[in-house]
Amino acid sequence: MKKLLISLFAALLLCACEGPQGPRGPQGPKGDKGDPGEGSAGTQTQWVIDNVTVNYNDWVQEGDYLSVDIPCEKLTKDIYDGGMMKVFLMFDNYMNELPCTRYRSYKITDANGNDVLNENGNPTYAYYSQTIDVDFKVGGVKIYITNSDFQGYDEEATEPMTFHIVLIY
């Protein structure tokens, strides 16, 4: 019985908390102006954007991957230490932030350069993924391409690529 009375009292207490909202109280006094911190008073974010197109002949094969060094004089030590750096791959009116993975294919050919055909008489394709990633250093950007099949690189599979380099500080 005691437990039932305590439960009933608790239920009534919780229900009594509900009701119409009262009128809005008066506005409080204006607070003190906050401290903007060292170096931030009056500063604005700056952006540097550069588009760079890399052609097949610009890439250097280093073992199982390709790389290209892109000079970027605007990538200063101050930006490197305290800013933000991003690179996007631009294609077909789209941008893809690095690192990114693209899926590719190529026709399989025999030693004479003829297509290898499947049981239906159609060309056979091999499929692989291509990972494109980036490193930053003061004064430059290095971009890498690695194919999942490590079968090498040719001009057809490494078409000109435009990279959108964004520096924020």
C-alpha atoms as a PDB file:
ATOM      1  CA  MET A   1       0.000   0.000   0.000  1.00  0.00           C
ATOM      2  CA  LYS A   2       2.852   2.303   0.889  1.00  0.00           C
ATOM      3  CA  LYS A   3       4.480   1.736  -2.528  1.00  0.00           C
ATOM      4  CA  LEU A   4       1.177   2.464  -4.275  1.00  0.00           C
ATOM      5  CA  LEU A   5       0.783   5.791  -2.448  1.00  0.00           C
ATOM      6  CA  ILE A   6       4.386   6.817  -3.269  1.00  0.00           C
ATOM      7  CA  SER A   7       3.867   5.923  -6.936  1.00  0.00           C
ATOM      8  CA  LEU A   8       0.573   7.861  -7.056  1.00  0.00           C
ATOM      9  CA  PHE A   9       2.194  10.896  -5.401  1.00  0.00           C
ATOM     10  CA  ALA A  10       5.127  10.799  -7.874  1.00  0.00           C
ATOM     11  CA  ALA A  11       2.715  10.585 -10.836  1.00  0.00           C
ATOM     12  CA  LEU A  12       0.692  13.569  -9.576  1.00  0.00           C
ATOM     13  CA  LEU A  13       3.891  15.555  -8.993  1.00  0.00           C
ATOM     14  CA  LEU A  14       5.058  14.939 -12.586  1.00  0.00           C
ATOM     15  CA  CYS A  15       1.666  15.820 -14.060  1.00  0.00           C
ATOM     16  CA  ALA A  16       1.506  19.046 -12.049  1.00  0.00           C
ATOM     17  CA  CYS A  17       4.599  20.336 -13.930  1.00  0.00           C
ATOM     18  CA  GLU A  18       2.650  20.739 -17.147  1.00  0.00           C
ATOM     19  CA  GLY A  19       0.528  23.711 -18.074  1.00  0.00           C
ATOM     20  CA  PRO A  20       0.394  26.776 -20.313  1.00  0.00           C
ATOM     21  CA  GLN A  21       3.621  28.686 -20.800  1.00  0.00           C
ATOM     22  CA  GLY A  22       3.794  31.935 -18.888  1.00  0.00           C
ATOM     23  CA  PRO A  23       4.598  35.360 -20.390  1.00  0.00           C
ATOM     24  CA  ARG A  24       8.123  36.103 -21.609  1.00  0.00           C
ATOM     25  CA  GLY A  25      10.313  37.786 -19.007  1.00  0.00           C
ATOM     26  CA  PRO A  26      12.208  41.071 -19.516  1.00  0.00           C
ATOM     27  CA  GLN A  27      15.435  41.039 -21.575  1.00  0.00           C
ATOM     28  CA  GLY A  28      18.570  40.783 -19.467  1.00  0.00           C
ATOM     29  CA  PRO A  29      21.461  43.275 -19.518  1.00  0.00           C
ATOM     30  CA  LYS A  30      23.905  43.246 -22.458  1.00  0.00           C
ATOM     31  CA  GLY A  31      26.933  41.045 -21.786  1.00  0.00           C
ATOM     32  CA  ASP A  32      30.593  42.040 -21.968  1.00  0.00           C
ATOM     33  CA  LYS A  33      32.316  41.906 -25.338  1.00  0.00           C
ATOM     34  CA  GLY A  34      34.207  38.636 -25.662  1.00  0.00           C
ATOM     35  CA  ASP A  35      37.983  38.415 -26.085  1.00  0.00           C
ATOM     36  CA  PRO A  36      38.672  37.596 -29.758  1.00  0.00           C
ATOM     37  CA  GLY A  37      42.008  36.006 -28.858  1.00  0.00           C
ATOM     38  CA  GLU A  38      45.506  36.775 -30.048  1.00  0.00           C
ATOM     39  CA  GLY A  39      45.847  37.561 -33.745  1.00  0.00           C
ATOM     40  CA  SER A  40      42.170  37.215 -34.613  1.00  0.00           C
ATOM     41  CA  ALA A  41      40.909  40.762 -34.021  1.00  0.00           C
ATOM     42  CA  GLY A  42      39.872  42.100 -37.406  1.00  0.00           C
ATOM     43  CA  THR A  43      41.309  39.216 -39.434  1.00  0.00           C
ATOM     44  CA  GLN A  44      39.394  37.485 -42.188  1.00  0.00           C
ATOM     45  CA  THR A  45      39.778  34.072 -43.737  1.00  0.00           C
ATOM     46  CA  GLN A  46      41.764  34.151 -46.962  1.00  0.00           C
ATOM     47  CA  TRP A  47      41.494  31.675 -49.829  1.00  0.00           C
ATOM     48  CA  VAL A  48      43.952  30.807 -52.582  1.00  0.00           C
ATOM     49  CA  ILE A  49      42.620  28.617 -55.378  1.00  0.00           C
ATOM     50  CA  ASP A  50      44.731  27.264 -58.213  1.00  0.00           C
ATOM     51  CA  ASN A  51      43.749  24.874 -61.015  1.00  0.00           C
ATOM     52  CA  VAL A  52      46.554  22.739 -62.445  1.00  0.00           C
ATOM     53  CA  THR A  53      46.274  20.289 -65.358  1.00  0.00           C
ATOM     54  CA  VAL A  54      48.641  17.326 -65.298  1.00  0.00           C
ATOM     55  CA  ASN A  55      49.302  15.472 -68.570  1.00  0.00           C
ATOM     56  CA  TYR A  56      50.490  11.888 -68.968  1.00  0.00           C
ATOM     57  CA  ASN A  57      54.106  12.965 -69.629  1.00  0.00           C
ATOM     58  CA  ASP A  58      54.174  14.935 -66.337  1.00  0.00           C
ATOM     59  CA  TRP A  59      53.817  11.779 -64.220  1.00  0.00           C
ATOM     60  CA  VAL A  60      56.889   9.925 -62.945  1.00  0.00           C
ATOM     61  CA  GLN A  61      56.720   6.169 -62.307  1.00  0.00           C
ATOM     62  CA  GLU A  62      58.068   5.288 -58.861  1.00  0.00           C
ATOM     63  CA  GLY A  63      57.820   1.541 -58.350  1.00  0.00           C
ATOM     64  CA  ASP A  64      54.140   0.554 -58.358  1.00  0.00           C
ATOM     65  CA  TYR A  65      52.718   4.083 -58.515  1.00  0.00           C
ATOM     66  CA  LEU A  66      52.886   7.346 -60.447  1.00  0.00           C
ATOM     67  CA  SER A  67      53.584  10.709 -58.869  1.00  0.00           C
ATOM     68  CA  VAL A  68      53.798  14.341 -59.899  1.00  0.00           C
ATOM     69  CA  ASP A  69      55.260  17.272 -57.986  1.00  0.00           C
ATOM     70  CA  ILE A  70      53.259  20.468 -58.433  1.00  0.00           C
ATOM     71  CA  PRO A  71      55.028  23.650 -57.330  1.00  0.00           C
ATOM     72  CA  CYS A  72      52.781  25.846 -55.194  1.00  0.00           C
ATOM     73  CA  GLU A  73      54.644  28.963 -54.033  1.00  0.00           C
ATOM     74  CA  LYS A  74      51.524  30.200 -52.250  1.00  0.00           C
ATOM     75  CA  LEU A  75      51.710  27.234 -49.873  1.00  0.00           C
ATOM     76  CA  THR A  76      53.811  29.053 -47.270  1.00  0.00           C
ATOM     77  CA  LYS A  77      54.990  27.775 -43.897  1.00  0.00           C
ATOM     78  CA  ASP A  78      52.291  29.869 -42.195  1.00  0.00           C
ATOM     79  CA  ILE A  79      49.568  28.178 -44.258  1.00  0.00           C
ATOM     80  CA  TYR A  80      51.194  24.756 -43.823  1.00  0.00           C
ATOM     81  CA  ASP A  81      51.397  25.193 -40.032  1.00  0.00           C
ATOM     82  CA  GLY A  82      48.095  26.947 -39.365  1.00  0.00           C
ATOM     83  CA  GLY A  83      45.899  26.818 -42.448  1.00  0.00           C
ATOM     84  CA  MET A  84      44.050  24.160 -44.364  1.00  0.00           C
ATOM     85  CA  MET A  85      44.996  22.573 -47.681  1.00  0.00           C
ATOM     86  CA  LYS A  86      42.680  20.575 -49.907  1.00  0.00           C
ATOM     87  CA  VAL A  87      42.960  19.173 -53.428  1.00  0.00           C
ATOM     88  CA  PHE A  88      40.072  18.095 -55.641  1.00  0.00           C
ATOM     89  CA  LEU A  89      40.117  16.104 -58.878  1.00  0.00           C
ATOM     90  CA  MET A  90      37.952  17.886 -61.449  1.00  0.00           C
ATOM     91  CA  PHE A  91      36.206  15.867 -64.185  1.00  0.00           C
ATOM     92  CA  ASP A  92      32.990  16.146 -66.200  1.00  0.00           C
ATOM     93  CA  ASN A  93      31.843  19.245 -64.243  1.00  0.00           C
ATOM     94  CA  TYR A  94      32.347  17.407 -60.927  1.00  0.00           C
ATOM     95  CA  MET A  95      34.929  17.664 -58.169  1.00  0.00           C
ATOM     96  CA  ASN A  96      36.099  14.773 -56.027  1.00  0.00           C
ATOM     97  CA  GLU A  97      38.187  15.503 -52.914  1.00  0.00           C
ATOM     98  CA  LEU A  98      41.481  13.642 -52.642  1.00  0.00           C
ATOM     99  CA  PRO A  99      42.109  10.967 -51.660  1.00  0.00           C
ATOM    100  CA  CYS A 100      39.625   9.342 -53.999  1.00  0.00           C
ATOM    101  CA  THR A 101      39.172   6.046 -55.781  1.00  0.00           C
ATOM    102  CA  ARG A 102      38.049   5.676 -59.383  1.00  0.00           C
ATOM    103  CA  TYR A 103      37.044   2.416 -61.034  1.00  0.00           C
ATOM    104  CA  ARG A 104      38.526   1.637 -64.421  1.00  0.00           C
ATOM    105  CA  SER A 105      38.633  -1.116 -67.054  1.00  0.00           C
ATOM    106  CA  TYR A 106      40.593  -2.079 -70.143  1.00  0.00           C
ATOM    107  CA  LYS A 107      40.214  -4.610 -72.939  1.00  0.00           C
ATOM    108  CA  ILE A 108      42.296  -7.741 -72.625  1.00  0.00           C
ATOM    109  CA  THR A 109      44.305  -8.401 -75.790  1.00  0.00           C
ATOM    110  CA  ASP A 110      46.494 -11.273 -76.946  1.00  0.00           C
ATOM    111  CA  ALA A 111      50.163 -11.037 -77.948  1.00  0.00           C
ATOM    112  CA  ASN A 112      49.145  -9.825 -81.436  1.00  0.00           C
ATOM    113  CA  GLY A 113      46.999  -6.995 -80.073  1.00  0.00           C
ATOM    114  CA  ASN A 114      43.701  -8.729 -80.876  1.00  0.00           C
ATOM    115  CA  ASP A 115      40.824  -8.596 -78.427  1.00  0.00           C
ATOM    116  CA  VAL A 116      40.371 -11.683 -76.273  1.00  0.00           C
ATOM    117  CA  LEU A 117      36.733 -12.660 -76.733  1.00  0.00           C
ATOM    118  CA  ASN A 118      34.399 -14.243 -74.189  1.00  0.00           C
ATOM    119  CA  GLU A 119      31.999 -17.137 -74.867  1.00  0.00           C
ATOM    120  CA  ASN A 120      29.514 -14.704 -76.466  1.00  0.00           C
ATOM    121  CA  GLY A 121      32.108 -13.295 -78.866  1.00  0.00           C
ATOM    122  CA  ASN A 122      32.411  -9.974 -77.007  1.00  0.00           C
ATOM    123  CA  PRO A 123      35.701  -8.398 -75.883  1.00  0.00           C
ATOM    124  CA  THR A 124      36.853  -9.361 -72.397  1.00  0.00           C
ATOM    125  CA  TYR A 125      37.642  -6.610 -69.911  1.00  0.00           C
ATOM    126  CA  ALA A 126      39.807  -6.435 -66.808  1.00  0.00           C
ATOM    127  CA  TYR A 127      38.665  -4.205 -63.969  1.00  0.00           C
ATOM    128  CA  TYR A 128      40.714  -2.349 -61.387  1.00  0.00           C
ATOM    129  CA  SER A 129      40.550   0.607 -59.035  1.00  0.00           C
ATOM    130  CA  GLN A 130      42.745   3.683 -59.266  1.00  0.00           C
ATOM    131  CA  THR A 131      43.532   5.517 -56.020  1.00  0.00           C
ATOM    132  CA  ILE A 132      44.586   9.154 -56.267  1.00  0.00           C
ATOM    133  CA  ASP A 133      45.994  10.751 -53.133  1.00  0.00           C
ATOM    134  CA  VAL A 134      48.028  13.791 -52.120  1.00  0.00           C
ATOM    135  CA  ASP A 135      50.820  14.992 -49.828  1.00  0.00           C
ATOM    136  CA  PHE A 136      51.586  18.612 -48.959  1.00  0.00           C
ATOM    137  CA  LYS A 137      54.866  20.391 -48.212  1.00  0.00           C
ATOM    138  CA  VAL A 138      55.836  24.033 -47.977  1.00  0.00           C
ATOM    139  CA  GLY A 139      55.997  25.272 -51.565  1.00  0.00           C
ATOM    140  CA  GLY A 140      54.428  22.234 -53.216  1.00  0.00           C
ATOM    141  CA  VAL A 141      51.907  19.455 -53.578  1.00  0.00           C
ATOM    142  CA  LYS A 142      52.659  15.850 -54.567  1.00  0.00           C
ATOM    143  CA  ILE A 143      49.906  13.732 -56.102  1.00  0.00           C
ATOM    144  CA  TYR A 144      50.020   9.934 -56.455  1.00  0.00           C
ATOM    145  CA  ILE A 145      48.147   7.419 -58.588  1.00  0.00           C
ATOM    146  CA  THR A 146      48.158   3.753 -57.601  1.00  0.00           C
ATOM    147  CA  ASN A 147      46.346   1.090 -59.616  1.00  0.00           C
ATOM    148  CA  SER A 148      44.991  -1.882 -57.671  1.00  0.00           C
ATOM    149  CA  ASP A 149      46.229  -4.357 -60.286  1.00  0.00           C
ATOM    150  CA  PHE A 150      49.764  -2.839 -60.378  1.00  0.00           C
ATOM    151  CA  GLN A 151      49.850  -3.647 -64.108  1.00  0.00           C
ATOM    152  CA  GLY A 152      51.450  -0.401 -65.174  1.00  0.00           C
ATOM    153  CA  TYR A 153      50.183   2.781 -66.674  1.00  0.00           C
ATOM    154  CA  ASP A 154      49.541   3.908 -70.198  1.00  0.00           C
ATOM    155  CA  GLU A 155      48.546   7.188 -71.750  1.00  0.00           C
ATOM    156  CA  GLU A 156      44.975   6.076 -72.426  1.00  0.00           C
ATOM    157  CA  ALA A 157      44.376   5.142 -68.778  1.00  0.00           C
ATOM    158  CA  THR A 158      46.060   8.302 -67.475  1.00  0.00           C
ATOM    159  CA  GLU A 159      44.297  11.065 -69.377  1.00  0.00           C
ATOM    160  CA  PRO A 160      44.985  14.722 -68.522  1.00  0.00           C
ATOM    161  CA  MET A 161      43.727  15.459 -65.027  1.00  0.00           C
ATOM    162  CA  THR A 162      42.873  18.861 -63.608  1.00  0.00           C
ATOM    163  CA  PHE A 163      43.411  19.402 -59.904  1.00  0.00           C
ATOM    164  CA  HIS A 164      41.737  22.180 -57.919  1.00  0.00           C
ATOM    165  CA  ILE A 165      44.135  23.214 -55.130  1.00  0.00           C
ATOM    166  CA  VAL A 166      42.556  25.182 -52.262  1.00  0.00           C
ATOM    167  CA  LEU A 167      44.571  26.892 -49.512  1.00  0.00           C
ATOM    168  CA  ILE A 168      42.666  28.438 -46.602  1.00  0.00           C
ATOM    169  CA  TYR A 169      44.307  30.628 -43.964  1.00  0.00           C
END
